[in-house]
Amino acid sequence: MYSRRVFPLAIAILLGAFWDLVAVYLSFVMVLLLLLTRRHWFPLPADEQIRRENKKTRCKGRVVDLPDDG
């Protein structure tokens, strides 16, 4: 009698733990994809892009001026 009540409860607990692990795994994958594609979804501000371009091309002698804020 006792095992008839415990067995479905054990299955429910195991299934719940399994779906929790699936949710954690999918969350990890989504964060990883967001980090890998962050430049596509969240582009850098224009002045930061220009600074990075200046760092790349400084050795070639080409420097791009930053836009004036005023």
PDB file of N, CA and C in Angstrom:
ATOM      1  N   MET A   1       0.829  -1.203   0.000  1.00  0.00           N
ATOM      2  CA  MET A   1       0.000   0.000   0.000  1.00  0.00           C
ATOM      3  C   MET A   1       0.868   1.259   0.000  1.00  0.00           C
ATOM      4  N   TYR A   2       1.885   1.227   0.836  1.00  0.00           N
ATOM      5  CA  TYR A   2       2.716   2.413   0.968  1.00  0.00           C
ATOM      6  C   TYR A   2       3.471   2.703  -0.322  1.00  0.00           C
ATOM      7  N   SER A   3       3.942   1.635  -0.988  1.00  0.00           N
ATOM      8  CA  SER A   3       4.738   1.820  -2.201  1.00  0.00           C
ATOM      9  C   SER A   3       3.883   2.355  -3.361  1.00  0.00           C
ATOM     10  N   ARG A   4       2.593   2.102  -3.343  1.00  0.00           N
ATOM     11  CA  ARG A   4       1.727   2.617  -4.406  1.00  0.00           C
ATOM     12  C   ARG A   4       1.614   4.139  -4.351  1.00  0.00           C
ATOM     13  N   ARG A   5       1.755   4.701  -3.153  1.00  0.00           N
ATOM     14  CA  ARG A   5       1.690   6.162  -3.030  1.00  0.00           C
ATOM     15  C   ARG A   5       3.065   6.797  -3.258  1.00  0.00           C
ATOM     16  N   VAL A   6       4.123   6.080  -2.902  1.00  0.00           N
ATOM     17  CA  VAL A   6       5.466   6.646  -2.995  1.00  0.00           C
ATOM     18  C   VAL A   6       5.988   6.592  -4.434  1.00  0.00           C
ATOM     19  N   PHE A   7       5.669   5.562  -5.181  1.00  0.00           N
ATOM     20  CA  PHE A   7       6.209   5.392  -6.514  1.00  0.00           C
ATOM     21  C   PHE A   7       5.838   6.548  -7.457  1.00  0.00           C
ATOM     22  N   PRO A   8       4.564   6.957  -7.558  1.00  0.00           N
ATOM     23  CA  PRO A   8       4.248   8.106  -8.415  1.00  0.00           C
ATOM     24  C   PRO A   8       4.909   9.398  -7.932  1.00  0.00           C
ATOM     25  N   LEU A   9       5.041   9.543  -6.629  1.00  0.00           N
ATOM     26  CA  LEU A   9       5.708  10.723  -6.084  1.00  0.00           C
ATOM     27  C   LEU A   9       7.191  10.732  -6.468  1.00  0.00           C
ATOM     28  N   ALA A  10       7.829   9.574  -6.420  1.00  0.00           N
ATOM     29  CA  ALA A  10       9.235   9.479  -6.805  1.00  0.00           C
ATOM     30  C   ALA A  10       9.411   9.791  -8.293  1.00  0.00           C
ATOM     31  N   ILE A  11       8.505   9.303  -9.117  1.00  0.00           N
ATOM     32  CA  ILE A  11       8.569   9.611 -10.549  1.00  0.00           C
ATOM     33  C   ILE A  11       8.394  11.111 -10.775  1.00  0.00           C
ATOM     34  N   ALA A  12       7.463  11.715 -10.080  1.00  0.00           N
ATOM     35  CA  ALA A  12       7.235  13.157 -10.232  1.00  0.00           C
ATOM     36  C   ALA A  12       8.454  13.964  -9.803  1.00  0.00           C
ATOM     37  N   ILE A  13       9.076  13.560  -8.726  1.00  0.00           N
ATOM     38  CA  ILE A  13      10.278  14.269  -8.252  1.00  0.00           C
ATOM     39  C   ILE A  13      11.417  14.113  -9.258  1.00  0.00           C
ATOM     40  N   LEU A  14      11.613  12.904  -9.767  1.00  0.00           N
ATOM     41  CA  LEU A  14      12.683  12.683 -10.746  1.00  0.00           C
ATOM     42  C   LEU A  14      12.426  13.450 -12.042  1.00  0.00           C
ATOM     43  N   LEU A  15      11.176  13.469 -12.494  1.00  0.00           N
ATOM     44  CA  LEU A  15      10.863  14.238 -13.701  1.00  0.00           C
ATOM     45  C   LEU A  15      11.057  15.733 -13.467  1.00  0.00           C
ATOM     46  N   GLY A  16      10.694  16.202 -12.291  1.00  0.00           N
ATOM     47  CA  GLY A  16      10.902  17.609 -11.966  1.00  0.00           C
ATOM     48  C   GLY A  16      12.371  17.956 -11.938  1.00  0.00           C
ATOM     49  N   ALA A  17      13.189  17.085 -11.367  1.00  0.00           N
ATOM     50  CA  ALA A  17      14.629  17.328 -11.337  1.00  0.00           C
ATOM     51  C   ALA A  17      15.205  17.302 -12.748  1.00  0.00           C
ATOM     52  N   PHE A  18      14.716  16.405 -13.574  1.00  0.00           N
ATOM     53  CA  PHE A  18      15.189  16.332 -14.956  1.00  0.00           C
ATOM     54  C   PHE A  18      14.869  17.623 -15.704  1.00  0.00           C
ATOM     55  N   TRP A  19      13.655  18.119 -15.565  1.00  0.00           N
ATOM     56  CA  TRP A  19      13.290  19.346 -16.286  1.00  0.00           C
ATOM     57  C   TRP A  19      14.003  20.563 -15.721  1.00  0.00           C
ATOM     58  N   ASP A  20      14.326  20.535 -14.445  1.00  0.00           N
ATOM     59  CA  ASP A  20      15.149  21.616 -13.889  1.00  0.00           C
ATOM     60  C   ASP A  20      16.542  21.619 -14.521  1.00  0.00           C
ATOM     61  N   LEU A  21      17.121  20.446 -14.681  1.00  0.00           N
ATOM     62  CA  LEU A  21      18.432  20.364 -15.330  1.00  0.00           C
ATOM     63  C   LEU A  21      18.359  20.811 -16.783  1.00  0.00           C
ATOM     64  N   VAL A  22      17.287  20.453 -17.470  1.00  0.00           N
ATOM     65  CA  VAL A  22      17.118  20.902 -18.855  1.00  0.00           C
ATOM     66  C   VAL A  22      17.011  22.420 -18.903  1.00  0.00           C
ATOM     67  N   ALA A  23      16.278  23.026 -17.979  1.00  0.00           N
ATOM     68  CA  ALA A  23      16.133  24.485 -17.955  1.00  0.00           C
ATOM     69  C   ALA A  23      17.472  25.166 -17.677  1.00  0.00           C
ATOM     70  N   VAL A  24      18.253  24.610 -16.758  1.00  0.00           N
ATOM     71  CA  VAL A  24      19.568  25.191 -16.461  1.00  0.00           C
ATOM     72  C   VAL A  24      20.479  25.069 -17.677  1.00  0.00           C
ATOM     73  N   TYR A  25      20.454  23.932 -18.337  1.00  0.00           N
ATOM     74  CA  TYR A  25      21.279  23.734 -19.530  1.00  0.00           C
ATOM     75  C   TYR A  25      20.882  24.722 -20.632  1.00  0.00           C
ATOM     76  N   LEU A  26      19.586  24.876 -20.881  1.00  0.00           N
ATOM     77  CA  LEU A  26      19.139  25.809 -21.910  1.00  0.00           C
ATOM     78  C   LEU A  26      19.470  27.248 -21.548  1.00  0.00           C
ATOM     79  N   SER A  27      19.385  27.593 -20.280  1.00  0.00           N
ATOM     80  CA  SER A  27      19.769  28.940 -19.858  1.00  0.00           C
ATOM     81  C   SER A  27      21.255  29.172 -20.121  1.00  0.00           C
ATOM     82  N   PHE A  28      22.074  28.183 -19.823  1.00  0.00           N
ATOM     83  CA  PHE A  28      23.507  28.300 -20.069  1.00  0.00           C
ATOM     84  C   PHE A  28      23.786  28.476 -21.557  1.00  0.00           C
ATOM     85  N   VAL A  29      23.113  27.707 -22.388  1.00  0.00           N
ATOM     86  CA  VAL A  29      23.297  27.810 -23.841  1.00  0.00           C
ATOM     87  C   VAL A  29      22.854  29.179 -24.334  1.00  0.00           C
ATOM     88  N   MET A  30      21.735  29.699 -23.818  1.00  0.00           N
ATOM     89  CA  MET A  30      21.257  31.005 -24.258  1.00  0.00           C
ATOM     90  C   MET A  30      22.216  32.118 -23.853  1.00  0.00           C
ATOM     91  N   VAL A  31      22.758  32.055 -22.651  1.00  0.00           N
ATOM     92  CA  VAL A  31      23.726  33.069 -22.215  1.00  0.00           C
ATOM     93  C   VAL A  31      24.991  32.975 -23.053  1.00  0.00           C
ATOM     94  N   LEU A  32      25.430  31.772 -23.351  1.00  0.00           N
ATOM     95  CA  LEU A  32      26.614  31.595 -24.183  1.00  0.00           C
ATOM     96  C   LEU A  32      26.393  32.166 -25.578  1.00  0.00           C
ATOM     97  N   LEU A  33      25.232  31.901 -26.162  1.00  0.00           N
ATOM     98  CA  LEU A  33      24.929  32.460 -27.485  1.00  0.00           C
ATOM     99  C   LEU A  33      24.833  33.974 -27.438  1.00  0.00           C
ATOM    100  N   LEU A  34      24.269  34.513 -26.374  1.00  0.00           N
ATOM    101  CA  LEU A  34      24.183  35.963 -26.243  1.00  0.00           C
ATOM    102  C   LEU A  34      25.570  36.586 -26.158  1.00  0.00           C
ATOM    103  N   LEU A  35      26.463  35.948 -25.405  1.00  0.00           N
ATOM    104  CA  LEU A  35      27.825  36.470 -25.303  1.00  0.00           C
ATOM    105  C   LEU A  35      28.571  36.378 -26.635  1.00  0.00           C
ATOM    106  N   LEU A  36      28.319  35.318 -27.379  1.00  0.00           N
ATOM    107  CA  LEU A  36      29.004  35.157 -28.656  1.00  0.00           C
ATOM    108  C   LEU A  36      28.472  36.091 -29.730  1.00  0.00           C
ATOM    109  N   THR A  37      27.204  36.502 -29.615  1.00  0.00           N
ATOM    110  CA  THR A  37      26.589  37.340 -30.647  1.00  0.00           C
ATOM    111  C   THR A  37      26.267  38.734 -30.130  1.00  0.00           C
ATOM    112  N   ARG A  38      26.905  39.162 -29.037  1.00  0.00           N
ATOM    113  CA  ARG A  38      26.523  40.438 -28.436  1.00  0.00           C
ATOM    114  C   ARG A  38      26.828  41.623 -29.334  1.00  0.00           C
ATOM    115  N   ARG A  39      27.840  41.500 -30.178  1.00  0.00           N
ATOM    116  CA  ARG A  39      28.132  42.615 -31.084  1.00  0.00           C
ATOM    117  C   ARG A  39      27.033  42.778 -32.115  1.00  0.00           C
ATOM    118  N   HIS A  40      26.377  41.684 -32.477  1.00  0.00           N
ATOM    119  CA  HIS A  40      25.285  41.766 -33.446  1.00  0.00           C
ATOM    120  C   HIS A  40      24.034  42.371 -32.813  1.00  0.00           C
ATOM    121  N   TRP A  41      23.707  41.938 -31.603  1.00  0.00           N
ATOM    122  CA  TRP A  41      22.478  42.394 -30.948  1.00  0.00           C
ATOM    123  C   TRP A  41      22.659  43.720 -30.238  1.00  0.00           C
ATOM    124  N   PHE A  42      23.843  43.961 -29.670  1.00  0.00           N
ATOM    125  CA  PHE A  42      24.102  45.194 -28.919  1.00  0.00           C
ATOM    126  C   PHE A  42      25.344  45.863 -29.499  1.00  0.00           C
ATOM    127  N   PRO A  43      25.191  46.600 -30.602  1.00  0.00           N
ATOM    128  CA  PRO A  43      26.376  47.208 -31.211  1.00  0.00           C
ATOM    129  C   PRO A  43      26.990  48.269 -30.309  1.00  0.00           C
ATOM    130  N   LEU A  44      28.284  48.468 -30.482  1.00  0.00           N
ATOM    131  CA  LEU A  44      29.002  49.459 -29.698  1.00  0.00           C
ATOM    132  C   LEU A  44      28.579  50.862 -30.127  1.00  0.00           C
ATOM    133  N   PRO A  45      28.657  51.840 -29.227  1.00  0.00           N
ATOM    134  CA  PRO A  45      28.423  53.222 -29.632  1.00  0.00           C
ATOM    135  C   PRO A  45      29.440  53.639 -30.693  1.00  0.00           C
ATOM    136  N   ALA A  46      29.088  54.648 -31.469  1.00  0.00           N
ATOM    137  CA  ALA A  46      29.934  55.059 -32.599  1.00  0.00           C
ATOM    138  C   ALA A  46      31.330  55.460 -32.133  1.00  0.00           C
ATOM    139  N   ASP A  47      31.431  56.222 -31.020  1.00  0.00           N
ATOM    140  CA  ASP A  47      32.757  56.657 -30.581  1.00  0.00           C
ATOM    141  C   ASP A  47      33.629  55.479 -30.143  1.00  0.00           C
ATOM    142  N   GLU A  48      33.016  54.440 -29.545  1.00  0.00           N
ATOM    143  CA  GLU A  48      33.790  53.258 -29.149  1.00  0.00           C
ATOM    144  C   GLU A  48      34.246  52.484 -30.382  1.00  0.00           C
ATOM    145  N   GLN A  49      33.397  52.419 -31.401  1.00  0.00           N
ATOM    146  CA  GLN A  49      33.808  51.756 -32.634  1.00  0.00           C
ATOM    147  C   GLN A  49      34.976  52.498 -33.276  1.00  0.00           C
ATOM    148  N   ILE A  50      34.929  53.832 -33.249  1.00  0.00           N
ATOM    149  CA  ILE A  50      36.015  54.622 -33.834  1.00  0.00           C
ATOM    150  C   ILE A  50      37.300  54.428 -33.034  1.00  0.00           C
ATOM    151  N   ARG A  51      37.209  54.382 -31.698  1.00  0.00           N
ATOM    152  CA  ARG A  51      38.402  54.147 -30.877  1.00  0.00           C
ATOM    153  C   ARG A  51      39.037  52.803 -31.210  1.00  0.00           C
ATOM    154  N   ARG A  52      38.204  51.790 -31.348  1.00  0.00           N
ATOM    155  CA  ARG A  52      38.744  50.463 -31.674  1.00  0.00           C
ATOM    156  C   ARG A  52      39.351  50.459 -33.067  1.00  0.00           C
ATOM    157  N   GLU A  53      38.720  51.161 -33.995  1.00  0.00           N
ATOM    158  CA  GLU A  53      39.291  51.259 -35.335  1.00  0.00           C
ATOM    159  C   GLU A  53      40.629  51.989 -35.301  1.00  0.00           C
ATOM    160  N   ASN A  54      40.736  53.030 -34.479  1.00  0.00           N
ATOM    161  CA  ASN A  54      41.995  53.757 -34.346  1.00  0.00           C
ATOM    162  C   ASN A  54      43.097  52.857 -33.797  1.00  0.00           C
ATOM    163  N   LYS A  55      42.736  52.020 -32.823  1.00  0.00           N
ATOM    164  CA  LYS A  55      43.742  51.107 -32.257  1.00  0.00           C
ATOM    165  C   LYS A  55      44.233  50.127 -33.311  1.00  0.00           C
ATOM    166  N   LYS A  56      43.322  49.659 -34.167  1.00  0.00           N
ATOM    167  CA  LYS A  56      43.707  48.694 -35.194  1.00  0.00           C
ATOM    168  C   LYS A  56      44.578  49.329 -36.266  1.00  0.00           C
ATOM    169  N   THR A  57      44.280  50.582 -36.609  1.00  0.00           N
ATOM    170  CA  THR A  57      44.947  51.182 -37.764  1.00  0.00           C
ATOM    171  C   THR A  57      46.034  52.181 -37.374  1.00  0.00           C
ATOM    172  N   ARG A  58      46.327  52.311 -36.094  1.00  0.00           N
ATOM    173  CA  ARG A  58      47.319  53.296 -35.663  1.00  0.00           C
ATOM    174  C   ARG A  58      48.689  53.015 -36.282  1.00  0.00           C
ATOM    175  N   CYS A  59      49.029  51.765 -36.396  1.00  0.00           N
ATOM    176  CA  CYS A  59      50.335  51.432 -36.957  1.00  0.00           C
ATOM    177  C   CYS A  59      50.412  51.778 -38.442  1.00  0.00           C
ATOM    178  N   LYS A  60      49.276  51.897 -39.110  1.00  0.00           N
ATOM    179  CA  LYS A  60      49.273  52.241 -40.530  1.00  0.00           C
ATOM    180  C   LYS A  60      49.267  53.757 -40.746  1.00  0.00           C
ATOM    181  N   GLY A  61      49.121  54.532 -39.675  1.00  0.00           N
ATOM    182  CA  GLY A  61      49.156  55.976 -39.793  1.00  0.00           C
ATOM    183  C   GLY A  61      47.818  56.615 -40.097  1.00  0.00           C
ATOM    184  N   ARG A  62      46.745  55.841 -40.131  1.00  0.00           N
ATOM    185  CA  ARG A  62      45.429  56.403 -40.419  1.00  0.00           C
ATOM    186  C   ARG A  62      44.668  56.562 -39.104  1.00  0.00           C
ATOM    187  N   VAL A  63      44.236  57.779 -38.780  1.00  0.00           N
ATOM    188  CA  VAL A  63      43.509  58.031 -37.542  1.00  0.00           C
ATOM    189  C   VAL A  63      42.197  58.724 -37.899  1.00  0.00           C
ATOM    190  N   VAL A  64      41.111  58.230 -37.320  1.00  0.00           N
ATOM    191  CA  VAL A  64      39.793  58.810 -37.573  1.00  0.00           C
ATOM    192  C   VAL A  64      39.447  59.710 -36.399  1.00  0.00           C
ATOM    193  N   ASP A  65      38.989  60.917 -36.682  1.00  0.00           N
ATOM    194  CA  ASP A  65      38.614  61.853 -35.615  1.00  0.00           C
ATOM    195  C   ASP A  65      37.278  61.464 -35.020  1.00  0.00           C
ATOM    196  N   LEU A  66      37.149  61.679 -33.700  1.00  0.00           N
ATOM    197  CA  LEU A  66      35.887  61.449 -33.018  1.00  0.00           C
ATOM    198  C   LEU A  66      34.919  62.592 -33.330  1.00  0.00           C
ATOM    199  N   PRO A  67      33.633  62.318 -33.427  1.00  0.00           N
ATOM    200  CA  PRO A  67      32.682  63.400 -33.684  1.00  0.00           C
ATOM    201  C   PRO A  67      32.572  64.316 -32.462  1.00  0.00           C
ATOM    202  N   ASP A  68      32.305  65.599 -32.709  1.00  0.00           N
ATOM    203  CA  ASP A  68      32.126  66.562 -31.625  1.00  0.00           C
ATOM    204  C   ASP A  68      30.766  66.372 -30.990  1.00  0.00           C
ATOM    205  N   ASP A  69      30.713  66.489 -29.654  1.00  0.00           N
ATOM    206  CA  ASP A  69      29.434  66.360 -28.956  1.00  0.00           C
ATOM    207  C   ASP A  69      28.596  67.633 -29.084  1.00  0.00           C
ATOM    208  N   GLY A  70      29.268  68.790 -29.241  1.00  0.00           N
ATOM    209  CA  GLY A  70      28.564  70.054 -29.270  1.00  0.00           C
ATOM    210  C   GLY A  70      28.113  70.384 -30.626  1.00  0.00           C
TER     211      GLY A  70
END
